[in-house]
Protein backbone atom coordinates (compact mmCIF):
# COMPACT_ATOMS: atom_id res chain seq x y z
CA MET A 1 218.78 18.64 -90.08
CA GLU A 2 217.37 17.97 -93.50
CA ALA A 3 213.61 18.17 -93.90
CA MET A 4 211.72 14.96 -94.68
CA ARG A 5 211.08 14.41 -98.34
CA GLN A 6 207.49 14.18 -99.37
CA SER A 7 208.15 11.98 -102.37
CA TRP A 8 210.71 9.42 -103.47
CA THR A 9 212.34 9.55 -106.88
CA ASP A 10 213.17 6.41 -108.84
CA GLU A 11 216.86 7.08 -108.29
CA ARG A 12 216.33 7.44 -104.56
CA LEU A 13 214.30 4.19 -104.44
CA ASP A 14 217.04 2.39 -106.39
CA ASP A 15 219.64 3.67 -103.90
CA PHE A 16 217.47 2.48 -101.01
CA ARG A 17 217.02 -0.94 -102.62
CA GLU A 18 220.75 -1.33 -103.23
CA GLU A 19 221.66 -0.23 -99.71
CA THR A 20 219.07 -2.56 -98.20
CA ALA A 21 220.33 -5.48 -100.32
CA ARG A 22 223.93 -4.69 -99.30
CA ARG A 23 223.07 -4.63 -95.61
CA PHE A 24 221.06 -7.86 -95.79
CA GLY A 25 224.01 -9.43 -97.63
CA GLU A 26 226.32 -8.37 -94.81
CA ALA A 27 223.88 -9.73 -92.25
CA ARG A 28 223.70 -13.06 -94.11
CA THR A 29 227.48 -13.25 -94.30
CA GLU A 30 227.88 -12.49 -90.58
CA THR A 31 225.15 -14.97 -89.65
CA ALA A 32 226.78 -17.69 -91.76
CA ARG A 33 230.16 -16.94 -90.16
CA ARG A 34 228.69 -17.25 -86.69
CA PHE A 35 226.89 -20.49 -87.53
CA ASP A 36 230.17 -21.88 -88.87
CA GLU A 37 231.85 -20.93 -85.58
CA VAL A 38 229.06 -22.61 -83.58
CA ASP A 39 229.36 -25.74 -85.75
CA ARG A 40 233.13 -25.81 -85.21
CA ARG A 41 232.71 -25.51 -81.44
CA LEU A 42 230.04 -28.22 -81.36
CA ASP A 43 232.29 -30.54 -83.37
CA LYS A 44 235.07 -29.95 -80.83
CA ALA A 45 232.66 -30.60 -77.95
CA ASP A 46 231.52 -33.85 -79.63
CA ALA A 47 235.14 -34.97 -79.97
CA ASP A 48 235.83 -34.13 -76.32
CA ILE A 49 232.74 -36.07 -75.20
CA ARG A 50 233.79 -39.10 -77.26
CA GLU A 51 237.25 -38.96 -75.70
CA LEU A 52 235.77 -38.77 -72.20
CA ARG A 53 233.38 -41.61 -72.95
CA GLY A 54 236.33 -43.79 -74.00
CA ALA A 55 238.23 -42.94 -70.82
CA MET A 56 235.17 -43.68 -68.69
CA THR A 57 234.64 -47.02 -70.40
CA ALA A 58 238.26 -48.00 -69.72
CA GLY A 59 237.93 -46.87 -66.09
CA PHE A 60 234.73 -48.83 -65.58
CA SER A 61 236.36 -51.93 -67.08
CA GLN A 62 239.21 -51.63 -64.58
CA MET A 63 236.76 -51.11 -61.73
CA ASN A 64 234.74 -54.16 -62.79
CA ALA A 65 237.90 -56.28 -62.84
CA ARG A 66 238.84 -55.11 -59.35
CA LEU A 67 235.33 -55.79 -58.03
CA ASP A 68 235.41 -59.27 -59.56
CA ALA A 69 238.73 -59.96 -57.82
CA LEU A 70 237.32 -58.64 -54.53
CA ASN A 71 234.26 -60.86 -54.93
CA GLN A 72 236.48 -63.91 -55.45
CA THR A 73 238.53 -63.01 -52.36
CA ILE A 74 235.41 -62.63 -50.22
CA LEU A 75 234.04 -65.97 -51.45
CA LYS A 76 237.34 -67.74 -50.69
CA LEU A 77 237.61 -66.21 -47.22
CA GLY A 78 233.97 -66.96 -46.47
CA GLY A 79 234.32 -70.53 -47.72
CA GLY A 80 237.47 -71.00 -45.66
CA ALA A 81 235.77 -69.63 -42.56
CA LEU A 82 232.79 -71.93 -43.11
CA VAL A 83 235.00 -74.99 -43.55
CA THR A 84 236.97 -74.05 -40.42
CA PHE A 85 233.74 -73.65 -38.47
CA VAL A 86 232.40 -77.01 -39.66
CA VAL A 87 235.68 -78.82 -38.93
CA GLY A 88 235.85 -77.22 -35.49
CA PHE A 89 232.24 -78.12 -34.76
CA VAL A 90 232.77 -81.72 -35.94
CA GLY A 91 235.95 -81.91 -33.83
CA LEU A 92 234.07 -80.60 -30.79
CA ILE A 93 231.37 -83.18 -31.24
CA ALA A 94 233.93 -85.95 -31.78
CA THR A 95 235.77 -85.09 -28.56
CA GLN A 96 232.56 -85.10 -26.55
CA LEU A 97 231.51 -88.62 -27.56
């Protein structure tokens, strides 16, 4: 193994500076590439979420329509039962007089 140098020459410092700048440049390039990949994936996730939100909205609209129809059916059946009860009660009273 080479012994440690006690002093740095200008040429050696220039080499160190260039190598350090090169490596930081590579690190910046790699970091930018990874951020671009993350941005691309987040954009895809946003699009998927928007698609799901649209599907959910359509599903909830259908469910609301079905619940409204069920509510109308219950009201009609309840009203019919009430009218039948009242008519039967009135008929019972009329036959007892």
